[in-house]
Amino acid sequence: MERLRLFKDRCPDQIQVDNGAEIISKALDKWAYENGVNLDFSRPERPTDNALIESFNGSFQDECLNTHWFLSLDDAKKNKEA
């Protein structure tokens, strides 16, 4: 988001996000606050609030977050280059 802001010199007025653990981020919250962007959270337990986001999150989790299995945090740190 920061690269887009710097490249285009503008930010969206609002970003619609869900409350999933993979999306909630202090860094995103801080960036949005500093740039005057409203984070519009969907209601908990209401995936129909934004089916597009739910579909994206499912694909993102399957294709990116679930690509590696680690035995522990130490294992993940050792294999982060892999």
Protein backbone atom coordinates (compact mmCIF):
# COMPACT_ATOMS: atom_id res chain seq x y z
CA MET A 1 0.00 0.00 0.00
CA GLU A 2 2.83 2.38 0.81
CA ARG A 3 4.48 1.78 -2.58
CA LEU A 4 1.19 2.48 -4.31
CA ARG A 5 0.73 5.65 -2.25
CA LEU A 6 4.22 6.84 -3.13
CA PHE A 7 3.90 5.89 -6.81
CA LYS A 8 0.45 7.37 -7.41
CA ASP A 9 0.63 10.00 -4.64
CA ARG A 10 -2.85 9.09 -3.40
CA CYS A 11 -4.65 6.65 -1.13
CA PRO A 12 -8.08 5.08 -1.17
CA ASP A 13 -10.70 6.63 1.09
CA GLN A 14 -11.59 3.23 2.49
CA ILE A 15 -10.38 -0.38 2.50
CA GLN A 16 -12.88 -3.12 3.24
CA VAL A 17 -11.35 -5.93 5.33
CA ASP A 18 -12.59 -8.82 7.38
CA ASN A 19 -11.67 -9.73 10.95
CA GLY A 20 -9.58 -12.79 10.07
CA ALA A 21 -6.33 -13.22 11.96
CA GLU A 22 -4.36 -13.19 8.71
CA ILE A 23 -5.70 -9.75 7.85
CA ILE A 24 -5.76 -7.93 11.19
CA SER A 25 -2.48 -6.07 11.42
CA LYS A 26 -1.11 -3.30 13.61
CA ALA A 27 1.02 -2.19 10.66
CA LEU A 28 -2.02 -1.87 8.37
CA ASP A 29 -3.99 -0.09 11.10
CA LYS A 30 -1.13 2.37 11.68
CA TRP A 31 -0.65 2.98 7.95
CA ALA A 32 -4.36 3.58 7.43
CA TYR A 33 -4.53 6.00 10.37
CA GLU A 34 -1.48 7.97 9.21
CA ASN A 35 -2.87 8.25 5.69
CA GLY A 36 -6.49 9.02 6.57
CA VAL A 37 -7.79 5.71 5.20
CA ASN A 38 -10.87 4.21 6.85
CA LEU A 39 -10.68 0.46 7.49
CA ASP A 40 -14.20 -0.89 7.07
CA PHE A 41 -14.31 -4.21 8.95
CA SER A 42 -16.99 -6.74 8.10
CA ARG A 43 -19.15 -7.92 10.95
CA PRO A 44 -17.85 -10.99 12.81
CA GLU A 45 -19.50 -14.24 11.71
CA ARG A 46 -20.97 -12.51 8.61
CA PRO A 47 -18.89 -13.72 5.64
CA THR A 48 -21.65 -12.61 3.29
CA ASP A 49 -20.82 -8.97 4.07
CA ASN A 50 -18.19 -9.17 1.36
CA ALA A 51 -18.04 -12.39 -0.60
CA LEU A 52 -15.16 -11.07 -2.73
CA ILE A 53 -12.96 -10.57 0.33
CA GLU A 54 -13.89 -13.98 1.72
CA SER A 55 -13.03 -15.60 -1.61
CA PHE A 56 -9.71 -13.74 -1.79
CA ASN A 57 -8.81 -14.66 1.80
CA GLY A 58 -9.52 -18.33 1.15
CA SER A 59 -7.37 -18.34 -1.98
CA PHE A 60 -4.61 -16.33 -0.27
CA GLN A 61 -4.52 -18.76 2.64
CA ASP A 62 -4.45 -21.80 0.36
CA GLU A 63 -1.88 -20.45 -2.09
CA CYS A 64 0.40 -18.43 0.19
CA LEU A 65 -0.03 -19.06 3.89
CA ASN A 66 -0.41 -22.83 3.73
CA THR A 67 2.50 -23.50 1.36
CA HIS A 68 4.92 -24.37 4.18
CA TRP A 69 4.49 -26.41 7.33
CA PHE A 70 6.84 -25.79 10.23
CA LEU A 71 7.33 -27.81 13.38
CA SER A 72 7.96 -24.78 15.57
CA LEU A 73 8.79 -21.09 15.47
CA ASP A 74 12.50 -21.97 15.55
CA ASP A 75 12.00 -24.29 12.56
CA ALA A 76 10.26 -21.49 10.67
CA LYS A 77 13.09 -19.05 11.47
CA LYS A 78 15.71 -21.55 10.28
CA ASN A 79 13.84 -22.27 7.05
CA LYS A 80 12.59 -18.77 6.21
CA GLU A 81 14.97 -18.63 3.26
CA ALA A 82 13.55 -21.83 1.71
